[in-house]
């Protein structure tokens, strides 16, 4: 069952300008793989070459930061919303 994925403005051009897309998978990692299958321009923007999450991308399943769950192995279901947000730093 597909989950809703909300994309930040900086990634929308890589997804045909869409703010929200549907992707399949039972984990966040599988959802990301499906996103890249659908939108090849997203390759390398969500996950690093070594298979870990980029440090400058924050990912939430509903309101929970997946870094504090099981990262890319975090389980998802059809009623979940995955939100991808760029990390912001300042000083």
PDB file of N, CA and C in Angstrom:
ATOM      1  N   UNK A   1       0.849  -1.174   0.000  1.00  0.00           N
ATOM      2  CA  UNK A   1       0.000   0.000   0.000  1.00  0.00           C
ATOM      3  C   UNK A   1       0.897   1.240   0.000  1.00  0.00           C
ATOM      4  N   UNK A   2       0.615   2.200  -0.863  1.00  0.00           N
ATOM      5  CA  UNK A   2       1.482   3.385  -0.933  1.00  0.00           C
ATOM      6  C   UNK A   2       1.330   4.291   0.291  1.00  0.00           C
ATOM      7  N   UNK A   3       2.395   5.002   0.586  1.00  0.00           N
ATOM      8  CA  UNK A   3       2.371   6.019   1.630  1.00  0.00           C
ATOM      9  C   UNK A   3       2.535   7.382   0.972  1.00  0.00           C
ATOM     10  N   UNK A   4       2.059   8.393   1.652  1.00  0.00           N
ATOM     11  CA  UNK A   4       2.217   9.770   1.180  1.00  0.00           C
ATOM     12  C   UNK A   4       3.596  10.268   1.588  1.00  0.00           C
ATOM     13  N   UNK A   5       4.295  10.887   0.637  1.00  0.00           N
ATOM     14  CA  UNK A   5       5.612  11.456   0.910  1.00  0.00           C
ATOM     15  C   UNK A   5       5.554  12.938   0.581  1.00  0.00           C
ATOM     16  N   UNK A   6       5.879  13.762   1.552  1.00  0.00           N
ATOM     17  CA  UNK A   6       5.898  15.217   1.369  1.00  0.00           C
ATOM     18  C   UNK A   6       7.332  15.663   1.128  1.00  0.00           C
ATOM     19  N   UNK A   7       7.520  16.345   0.003  1.00  0.00           N
ATOM     20  CA  UNK A   7       8.862  16.760  -0.412  1.00  0.00           C
ATOM     21  C   UNK A   7       9.096  18.236  -0.118  1.00  0.00           C
ATOM     22  N   UNK A   8      10.304  18.586   0.301  1.00  0.00           N
ATOM     23  CA  UNK A   8      10.623  20.002   0.503  1.00  0.00           C
ATOM     24  C   UNK A   8      10.794  20.686  -0.854  1.00  0.00           C
ATOM     25  N   UNK A   9      10.710  21.985  -0.850  1.00  0.00           N
ATOM     26  CA  UNK A   9      10.821  22.769  -2.075  1.00  0.00           C
ATOM     27  C   UNK A   9      12.071  22.416  -2.863  1.00  0.00           C
ATOM     28  N   UNK A  10      13.198  22.206  -2.197  1.00  0.00           N
ATOM     29  CA  UNK A  10      14.460  21.971  -2.901  1.00  0.00           C
ATOM     30  C   UNK A  10      14.473  20.649  -3.668  1.00  0.00           C
ATOM     31  N   UNK A  11      13.620  19.697  -3.323  1.00  0.00           N
ATOM     32  CA  UNK A  11      13.579  18.416  -4.027  1.00  0.00           C
ATOM     33  C   UNK A  11      12.454  18.327  -5.058  1.00  0.00           C
ATOM     34  N   UNK A  12      11.566  19.285  -5.066  1.00  0.00           N
ATOM     35  CA  UNK A  12      10.386  19.188  -5.937  1.00  0.00           C
ATOM     36  C   UNK A  12      10.727  19.187  -7.416  1.00  0.00           C
ATOM     37  N   UNK A  13      11.730  19.939  -7.834  1.00  0.00           N
ATOM     38  CA  UNK A  13      12.109  19.925  -9.250  1.00  0.00           C
ATOM     39  C   UNK A  13      12.537  18.533  -9.685  1.00  0.00           C
ATOM     40  N   UNK A  14      13.112  17.773  -8.779  1.00  0.00           N
ATOM     41  CA  UNK A  14      13.551  16.407  -9.096  1.00  0.00           C
ATOM     42  C   UNK A  14      12.382  15.429  -9.145  1.00  0.00           C
ATOM     43  N   UNK A  15      11.205  15.882  -8.709  1.00  0.00           N
ATOM     44  CA  UNK A  15      10.007  15.035  -8.693  1.00  0.00           C
ATOM     45  C   UNK A  15       8.901  15.654  -9.538  1.00  0.00           C
ATOM     46  N   UNK A  16       9.284  16.302 -10.615  1.00  0.00           N
ATOM     47  CA  UNK A  16       8.295  16.873 -11.525  1.00  0.00           C
ATOM     48  C   UNK A  16       7.517  18.031 -10.945  1.00  0.00           C
ATOM     49  N   UNK A  17       8.084  18.709  -9.941  1.00  0.00           N
ATOM     50  CA  UNK A  17       7.431  19.867  -9.347  1.00  0.00           C
ATOM     51  C   UNK A  17       6.394  19.538  -8.292  1.00  0.00           C
ATOM     52  N   UNK A  18       6.235  18.267  -7.968  1.00  0.00           N
ATOM     53  CA  UNK A  18       5.210  17.850  -7.018  1.00  0.00           C
ATOM     54  C   UNK A  18       5.658  18.050  -5.569  1.00  0.00           C
ATOM     55  N   UNK A  19       4.730  18.514  -4.748  1.00  0.00           N
ATOM     56  CA  UNK A  19       5.001  18.682  -3.323  1.00  0.00           C
ATOM     57  C   UNK A  19       4.713  17.399  -2.553  1.00  0.00           C
ATOM     58  N   UNK A  20       3.768  16.613  -3.047  1.00  0.00           N
ATOM     59  CA  UNK A  20       3.375  15.365  -2.403  1.00  0.00           C
ATOM     60  C   UNK A  20       3.310  14.270  -3.456  1.00  0.00           C
ATOM     61  N   UNK A  21       3.897  13.126  -3.141  1.00  0.00           N
ATOM     62  CA  UNK A  21       3.879  11.979  -4.051  1.00  0.00           C
ATOM     63  C   UNK A  21       3.511  10.730  -3.257  1.00  0.00           C
ATOM     64  N   UNK A  22       3.188   9.671  -3.965  1.00  0.00           N
ATOM     65  CA  UNK A  22       2.911   8.373  -3.353  1.00  0.00           C
ATOM     66  C   UNK A  22       4.073   7.439  -3.666  1.00  0.00           C
ATOM     67  N   UNK A  23       4.467   6.633  -2.687  1.00  0.00           N
ATOM     68  CA  UNK A  23       5.538   5.662  -2.908  1.00  0.00           C
ATOM     69  C   UNK A  23       5.217   4.392  -2.129  1.00  0.00           C
ATOM     70  N   UNK A  24       5.694   3.281  -2.642  1.00  0.00           N
ATOM     71  CA  UNK A  24       5.462   1.981  -2.021  1.00  0.00           C
ATOM     72  C   UNK A  24       6.672   1.539  -1.215  1.00  0.00           C
ATOM     73  N   UNK A  25       6.401   0.760  -0.181  1.00  0.00           N
ATOM     74  CA  UNK A  25       7.464   0.189   0.627  1.00  0.00           C
ATOM     75  C   UNK A  25       6.962  -0.102   2.020  1.00  0.00           C
ATOM     76  N   UNK A  26       7.636  -1.020   2.697  1.00  0.00           N
ATOM     77  CA  UNK A  26       7.258  -1.337   4.074  1.00  0.00           C
ATOM     78  C   UNK A  26       8.202  -0.690   5.081  1.00  0.00           C
ATOM     79  N   UNK A  27       9.289  -0.076   4.570  1.00  0.00           N
ATOM     80  CA  UNK A  27      10.221   0.671   5.417  1.00  0.00           C
ATOM     81  C   UNK A  27      10.530   2.000   4.734  1.00  0.00           C
ATOM     82  N   UNK A  28      11.092   2.925   5.478  1.00  0.00           N
ATOM     83  CA  UNK A  28      11.497   4.210   4.897  1.00  0.00           C
ATOM     84  C   UNK A  28      12.493   3.976   3.762  1.00  0.00           C
ATOM     85  N   UNK A  29      13.431   3.061   3.942  1.00  0.00           N
ATOM     86  CA  UNK A  29      14.414   2.770   2.897  1.00  0.00           C
ATOM     87  C   UNK A  29      13.763   2.275   1.617  1.00  0.00           C
ATOM     88  N   UNK A  30      12.773   1.392   1.739  1.00  0.00           N
ATOM     89  CA  UNK A  30      12.065   0.892   0.557  1.00  0.00           C
ATOM     90  C   UNK A  30      11.266   2.004  -0.110  1.00  0.00           C
ATOM     91  N   UNK A  31      10.680   2.881   0.686  1.00  0.00           N
ATOM     92  CA  UNK A  31       9.956   4.029   0.131  1.00  0.00           C
ATOM     93  C   UNK A  31      10.923   4.905  -0.660  1.00  0.00           C
ATOM     94  N   UNK A  32      12.107   5.152  -0.112  1.00  0.00           N
ATOM     95  CA  UNK A  32      13.108   5.951  -0.830  1.00  0.00           C
ATOM     96  C   UNK A  32      13.522   5.270  -2.136  1.00  0.00           C
ATOM     97  N   UNK A  33      13.698   3.947  -2.100  1.00  0.00           N
ATOM     98  CA  UNK A  33      14.046   3.220  -3.324  1.00  0.00           C
ATOM     99  C   UNK A  33      12.961   3.391  -4.378  1.00  0.00           C
ATOM    100  N   UNK A  34      11.698   3.325  -3.960  1.00  0.00           N
ATOM    101  CA  UNK A  34      10.597   3.503  -4.905  1.00  0.00           C
ATOM    102  C   UNK A  34      10.555   4.935  -5.433  1.00  0.00           C
ATOM    103  N   UNK A  35      10.840   5.900  -4.571  1.00  0.00           N
ATOM    104  CA  UNK A  35      10.894   7.294  -5.030  1.00  0.00           C
ATOM    105  C   UNK A  35      11.938   7.469  -6.126  1.00  0.00           C
ATOM    106  N   UNK A  36      13.099   6.864  -5.935  1.00  0.00           N
ATOM    107  CA  UNK A  36      14.170   6.986  -6.932  1.00  0.00           C
ATOM    108  C   UNK A  36      13.791   6.258  -8.222  1.00  0.00           C
ATOM    109  N   UNK A  37      13.059   5.140  -8.114  1.00  0.00           N
ATOM    110  CA  UNK A  37      12.579   4.455  -9.324  1.00  0.00           C
ATOM    111  C   UNK A  37      11.629   5.368 -10.105  1.00  0.00           C
ATOM    112  N   UNK A  38      10.753   6.046  -9.374  1.00  0.00           N
ATOM    113  CA  UNK A  38       9.784   6.932 -10.019  1.00  0.00           C
ATOM    114  C   UNK A  38      10.424   8.221 -10.524  1.00  0.00           C
ATOM    115  N   UNK A  39      11.348   8.743  -9.742  1.00  0.00           N
ATOM    116  CA  UNK A  39      11.964  10.044 -10.021  1.00  0.00           C
ATOM    117  C   UNK A  39      13.484   9.902  -9.934  1.00  0.00           C
ATOM    118  N   UNK A  40      14.122   9.432 -10.991  1.00  0.00           N
ATOM    119  CA  UNK A  40      15.564   9.159 -10.959  1.00  0.00           C
ATOM    120  C   UNK A  40      16.423  10.354 -10.543  1.00  0.00           C
ATOM    121  N   UNK A  41      15.931  11.577 -10.740  1.00  0.00           N
ATOM    122  CA  UNK A  41      16.713  12.749 -10.338  1.00  0.00           C
ATOM    123  C   UNK A  41      16.878  12.853  -8.822  1.00  0.00           C
ATOM    124  N   UNK A  42      16.091  12.096  -8.066  1.00  0.00           N
ATOM    125  CA  UNK A  42      16.232  12.086  -6.605  1.00  0.00           C
ATOM    126  C   UNK A  42      17.407  11.218  -6.143  1.00  0.00           C
ATOM    127  N   UNK A  43      17.952  10.420  -7.036  1.00  0.00           N
ATOM    128  CA  UNK A  43      19.075   9.539  -6.680  1.00  0.00           C
ATOM    129  C   UNK A  43      20.208  10.363  -6.074  1.00  0.00           C
ATOM    130  N   UNK A  44      20.702   9.907  -4.937  1.00  0.00           N
ATOM    131  CA  UNK A  44      21.806  10.586  -4.267  1.00  0.00           C
ATOM    132  C   UNK A  44      21.392  11.759  -3.400  1.00  0.00           C
ATOM    133  N   UNK A  45      20.129  12.144  -3.455  1.00  0.00           N
ATOM    134  CA  UNK A  45      19.685  13.287  -2.660  1.00  0.00           C
ATOM    135  C   UNK A  45      19.051  12.879  -1.331  1.00  0.00           C
ATOM    136  N   UNK A  46      18.709  11.612  -1.198  1.00  0.00           N
ATOM    137  CA  UNK A  46      18.064  11.132   0.019  1.00  0.00           C
ATOM    138  C   UNK A  46      18.986  10.252   0.852  1.00  0.00           C
ATOM    139  N   UNK A  47      19.755   9.415   0.167  1.00  0.00           N
ATOM    140  CA  UNK A  47      20.626   8.449   0.827  1.00  0.00           C
ATOM    141  C   UNK A  47      22.024   8.588   0.236  1.00  0.00           C
ATOM    142  N   UNK A  48      23.039   8.476   1.091  1.00  0.00           N
ATOM    143  CA  UNK A  48      24.426   8.555   0.642  1.00  0.00           C
ATOM    144  C   UNK A  48      24.832   7.277  -0.097  1.00  0.00           C
ATOM    145  N   UNK A  49      25.963   7.339  -0.772  1.00  0.00           N
ATOM    146  CA  UNK A  49      26.460   6.182  -1.526  1.00  0.00           C
ATOM    147  C   UNK A  49      26.655   4.949  -0.650  1.00  0.00           C
ATOM    148  N   UNK A  50      26.958   5.159   0.636  1.00  0.00           N
ATOM    149  CA  UNK A  50      27.168   4.014   1.531  1.00  0.00           C
ATOM    150  C   UNK A  50      25.865   3.459   2.102  1.00  0.00           C
ATOM    151  N   UNK A  51      24.719   4.010   1.659  1.00  0.00           N
ATOM    152  CA  UNK A  51      23.424   3.503   2.086  1.00  0.00           C
ATOM    153  C   UNK A  51      22.876   4.116   3.352  1.00  0.00           C
ATOM    154  N   UNK A  52      23.563   5.094   3.921  1.00  0.00           N
ATOM    155  CA  UNK A  52      23.064   5.771   5.117  1.00  0.00           C
ATOM    156  C   UNK A  52      22.349   7.057   4.725  1.00  0.00           C
ATOM    157  N   UNK A  53      21.543   7.553   5.645  1.00  0.00           N
ATOM    158  CA  UNK A  53      20.812   8.791   5.383  1.00  0.00           C
ATOM    159  C   UNK A  53      21.768   9.970   5.360  1.00  0.00           C
ATOM    160  N   UNK A  54      21.490  10.918   4.470  1.00  0.00           N
ATOM    161  CA  UNK A  54      22.263  12.159   4.464  1.00  0.00           C
ATOM    162  C   UNK A  54      22.036  12.888   5.784  1.00  0.00           C
ATOM    163  N   UNK A  55      23.075  13.500   6.297  1.00  0.00           N
ATOM    164  CA  UNK A  55      22.959  14.219   7.567  1.00  0.00           C
ATOM    165  C   UNK A  55      22.163  15.509   7.424  1.00  0.00           C
ATOM    166  N   UNK A  56      22.102  16.057   6.203  1.00  0.00           N
ATOM    167  CA  UNK A  56      21.395  17.320   6.008  1.00  0.00           C
ATOM    168  C   UNK A  56      19.936  17.126   5.605  1.00  0.00           C
ATOM    169  N   UNK A  57      19.438  15.896   5.677  1.00  0.00           N
ATOM    170  CA  UNK A  57      18.042  15.609   5.365  1.00  0.00           C
ATOM    171  C   UNK A  57      17.394  15.009   6.609  1.00  0.00           C
ATOM    172  N   UNK A  58      16.327  15.634   7.077  1.00  0.00           N
ATOM    173  CA  UNK A  58      15.568  15.108   8.207  1.00  0.00           C
ATOM    174  C   UNK A  58      14.332  14.404   7.659  1.00  0.00           C
ATOM    175  N   UNK A  59      14.049  13.223   8.182  1.00  0.00           N
ATOM    176  CA  UNK A  59      12.926  12.428   7.701  1.00  0.00           C
ATOM    177  C   UNK A  59      12.038  12.086   8.889  1.00  0.00           C
ATOM    178  N   UNK A  60      10.744  12.309   8.711  1.00  0.00           N
ATOM    179  CA  UNK A  60       9.771  12.041   9.760  1.00  0.00           C
ATOM    180  C   UNK A  60       8.724  11.060   9.266  1.00  0.00           C
ATOM    181  N   UNK A  61       8.401  10.093  10.099  1.00  0.00           N
ATOM    182  CA  UNK A  61       7.229   9.242   9.874  1.00  0.00           C
ATOM    183  C   UNK A  61       6.165   9.808  10.789  1.00  0.00           C
ATOM    184  N   UNK A  62       5.158  10.388  10.180  1.00  0.00           N
ATOM    185  CA  UNK A  62       4.159  11.147  10.915  1.00  0.00           C
ATOM    186  C   UNK A  62       4.915  12.257  11.657  1.00  0.00           C
ATOM    187  N   UNK A  63       4.930  12.291  12.950  1.00  0.00           N
ATOM    188  CA  UNK A  63       5.662  13.347  13.663  1.00  0.00           C
ATOM    189  C   UNK A  63       6.934  12.838  14.325  1.00  0.00           C
ATOM    190  N   UNK A  64       7.359  11.624  13.984  1.00  0.00           N
ATOM    191  CA  UNK A  64       8.518  11.021  14.636  1.00  0.00           C
ATOM    192  C   UNK A  64       9.743  11.060  13.727  1.00  0.00           C
ATOM    193  N   UNK A  65      10.838  11.577  14.252  1.00  0.00           N
ATOM    194  CA  UNK A  65      12.100  11.639  13.521  1.00  0.00           C
ATOM    195  C   UNK A  65      12.661  10.221  13.409  1.00  0.00           C
ATOM    196  N   UNK A  66      12.831   9.728  12.179  1.00  0.00           N
ATOM    197  CA  UNK A  66      13.267   8.336  12.002  1.00  0.00           C
ATOM    198  C   UNK A  66      14.685   8.096  12.495  1.00  0.00           C
ATOM    199  N   UNK A  67      15.478   9.161  12.691  1.00  0.00           N
ATOM    200  CA  UNK A  67      16.829   8.975  13.251  1.00  0.00           C
ATOM    201  C   UNK A  67      16.765   8.380  14.647  1.00  0.00           C
ATOM    202  N   UNK A  68      15.652   8.624  15.356  1.00  0.00           N
ATOM    203  CA  UNK A  68      15.497   8.120  16.717  1.00  0.00           C
ATOM    204  C   UNK A  68      14.644   6.860  16.759  1.00  0.00           C
ATOM    205  N   UNK A  69      14.263   6.371  15.606  1.00  0.00           N
ATOM    206  CA  UNK A  69      13.544   5.102  15.506  1.00  0.00           C
ATOM    207  C   UNK A  69      14.530   4.081  14.936  1.00  0.00           C
ATOM    208  N   UNK A  70      14.258   3.601  13.741  1.00  0.00           N
ATOM    209  CA  UNK A  70      15.156   2.618  13.131  1.00  0.00           C
ATOM    210  C   UNK A  70      15.748   3.134  11.820  1.00  0.00           C
ATOM    211  N   UNK A  71      15.864   4.445  11.703  1.00  0.00           N
ATOM    212  CA  UNK A  71      16.423   5.086  10.504  1.00  0.00           C
ATOM    213  C   UNK A  71      15.744   4.547   9.250  1.00  0.00           C
ATOM    214  N   UNK A  72      16.505   4.093   8.272  1.00  0.00           N
ATOM    215  CA  UNK A  72      15.929   3.614   7.012  1.00  0.00           C
ATOM    216  C   UNK A  72      15.137   2.321   7.184  1.00  0.00           C
ATOM    217  N   UNK A  73      15.336   1.622   8.303  1.00  0.00           N
ATOM    218  CA  UNK A  73      14.589   0.390   8.572  1.00  0.00           C
ATOM    219  C   UNK A  73      13.275   0.651   9.304  1.00  0.00           C
ATOM    220  N   UNK A  74      12.943   1.922   9.534  1.00  0.00           N
ATOM    221  CA  UNK A  74      11.693   2.276  10.205  1.00  0.00           C
ATOM    222  C   UNK A  74      10.511   1.776   9.381  1.00  0.00           C
ATOM    223  N   UNK A  75       9.625   1.027  10.012  1.00  0.00           N
ATOM    224  CA  UNK A  75       8.448   0.470   9.340  1.00  0.00           C
ATOM    225  C   UNK A  75       7.449   1.575   8.998  1.00  0.00           C
ATOM    226  N   UNK A  76       6.786   1.409   7.856  1.00  0.00           N
ATOM    227  CA  UNK A  76       5.724   2.330   7.443  1.00  0.00           C
ATOM    228  C   UNK A  76       4.522   1.518   6.990  1.00  0.00           C
ATOM    229  N   UNK A  77       3.349   2.156   7.059  1.00  0.00           N
ATOM    230  CA  UNK A  77       2.122   1.527   6.566  1.00  0.00           C
ATOM    231  C   UNK A  77       1.331   2.567   5.779  1.00  0.00           C
ATOM    232  N   UNK A  78       0.267   2.125   5.159  1.00  0.00           N
ATOM    233  CA  UNK A  78      -0.485   2.968   4.243  1.00  0.00           C
ATOM    234  C   UNK A  78      -1.053   4.244   4.821  1.00  0.00           C
ATOM    235  N   UNK A  79      -1.252   4.298   6.130  1.00  0.00           N
ATOM    236  CA  UNK A  79      -1.806   5.522   6.710  1.00  0.00           C
ATOM    237  C   UNK A  79      -0.720   6.473   7.214  1.00  0.00           C
ATOM    238  N   UNK A  80       0.544   6.120   7.018  1.00  0.00           N
ATOM    239  CA  UNK A  80       1.651   6.981   7.446  1.00  0.00           C
ATOM    240  C   UNK A  80       1.930   8.071   6.421  1.00  0.00           C
ATOM    241  N   UNK A  81       2.484   9.172   6.912  1.00  0.00           N
ATOM    242  CA  UNK A  81       2.960  10.258   6.059  1.00  0.00           C
ATOM    243  C   UNK A  81       4.450  10.409   6.329  1.00  0.00           C
ATOM    244  N   UNK A  82       5.243  10.364   5.261  1.00  0.00           N
ATOM    245  CA  UNK A  82       6.685  10.576   5.363  1.00  0.00           C
ATOM    246  C   UNK A  82       6.964  12.009   4.932  1.00  0.00           C
ATOM    247  N   UNK A  83       7.576  12.779   5.810  1.00  0.00           N
ATOM    248  CA  UNK A  83       7.941  14.161   5.495  1.00  0.00           C
ATOM    249  C   UNK A  83       9.454  14.258   5.430  1.00  0.00           C
ATOM    250  N   UNK A  84       9.943  14.825   4.338  1.00  0.00           N
ATOM    251  CA  UNK A  84      11.379  15.029   4.150  1.00  0.00           C
ATOM    252  C   UNK A  84      11.632  16.519   4.271  1.00  0.00           C
ATOM    253  N   UNK A  85      12.514  16.882   5.188  1.00  0.00           N
ATOM    254  CA  UNK A  85      12.802  18.293   5.427  1.00  0.00           C
ATOM    255  C   UNK A  85      14.302  18.529   5.355  1.00  0.00           C
ATOM    256  N   UNK A  86      14.713  19.629   4.744  1.00  0.00           N
ATOM    257  CA  UNK A  86      16.142  19.943   4.750  1.00  0.00           C
ATOM    258  C   UNK A  86      16.559  20.384   6.147  1.00  0.00           C
ATOM    259  N   UNK A  87      17.730  19.966   6.573  1.00  0.00           N
ATOM    260  CA  UNK A  87      18.254  20.397   7.868  1.00  0.00           C
ATOM    261  C   UNK A  87      18.665  21.860   7.756  1.00  0.00           C
ATOM    262  N   UNK A  88      18.426  22.603   8.811  1.00  0.00           N
ATOM    263  CA  UNK A  88      18.770  24.017   8.839  1.00  0.00           C
ATOM    264  C   UNK A  88      19.743  24.240   9.982  1.00  0.00           C
ATOM    265  N   UNK A  89      20.810  24.944   9.695  1.00  0.00           N
ATOM    266  CA  UNK A  89      21.797  25.268  10.723  1.00  0.00           C
ATOM    267  C   UNK A  89      21.981  26.774  10.748  1.00  0.00           C
ATOM    268  N   UNK A  90      22.335  27.253  11.861  1.00  0.00           N
ATOM    269  CA  UNK A  90      22.549  28.693  11.963  1.00  0.00           C
ATOM    270  C   UNK A  90      23.419  29.003  13.157  1.00  0.00           C
ATOM    271  N   UNK A  91      23.641  30.255  13.314  1.00  0.00           N
ATOM    272  CA  UNK A  91      24.482  30.608  14.442  1.00  0.00           C
ATOM    273  C   UNK A  91      24.255  32.013  14.868  1.00  0.00           C
TER     274      UNK A  91
END
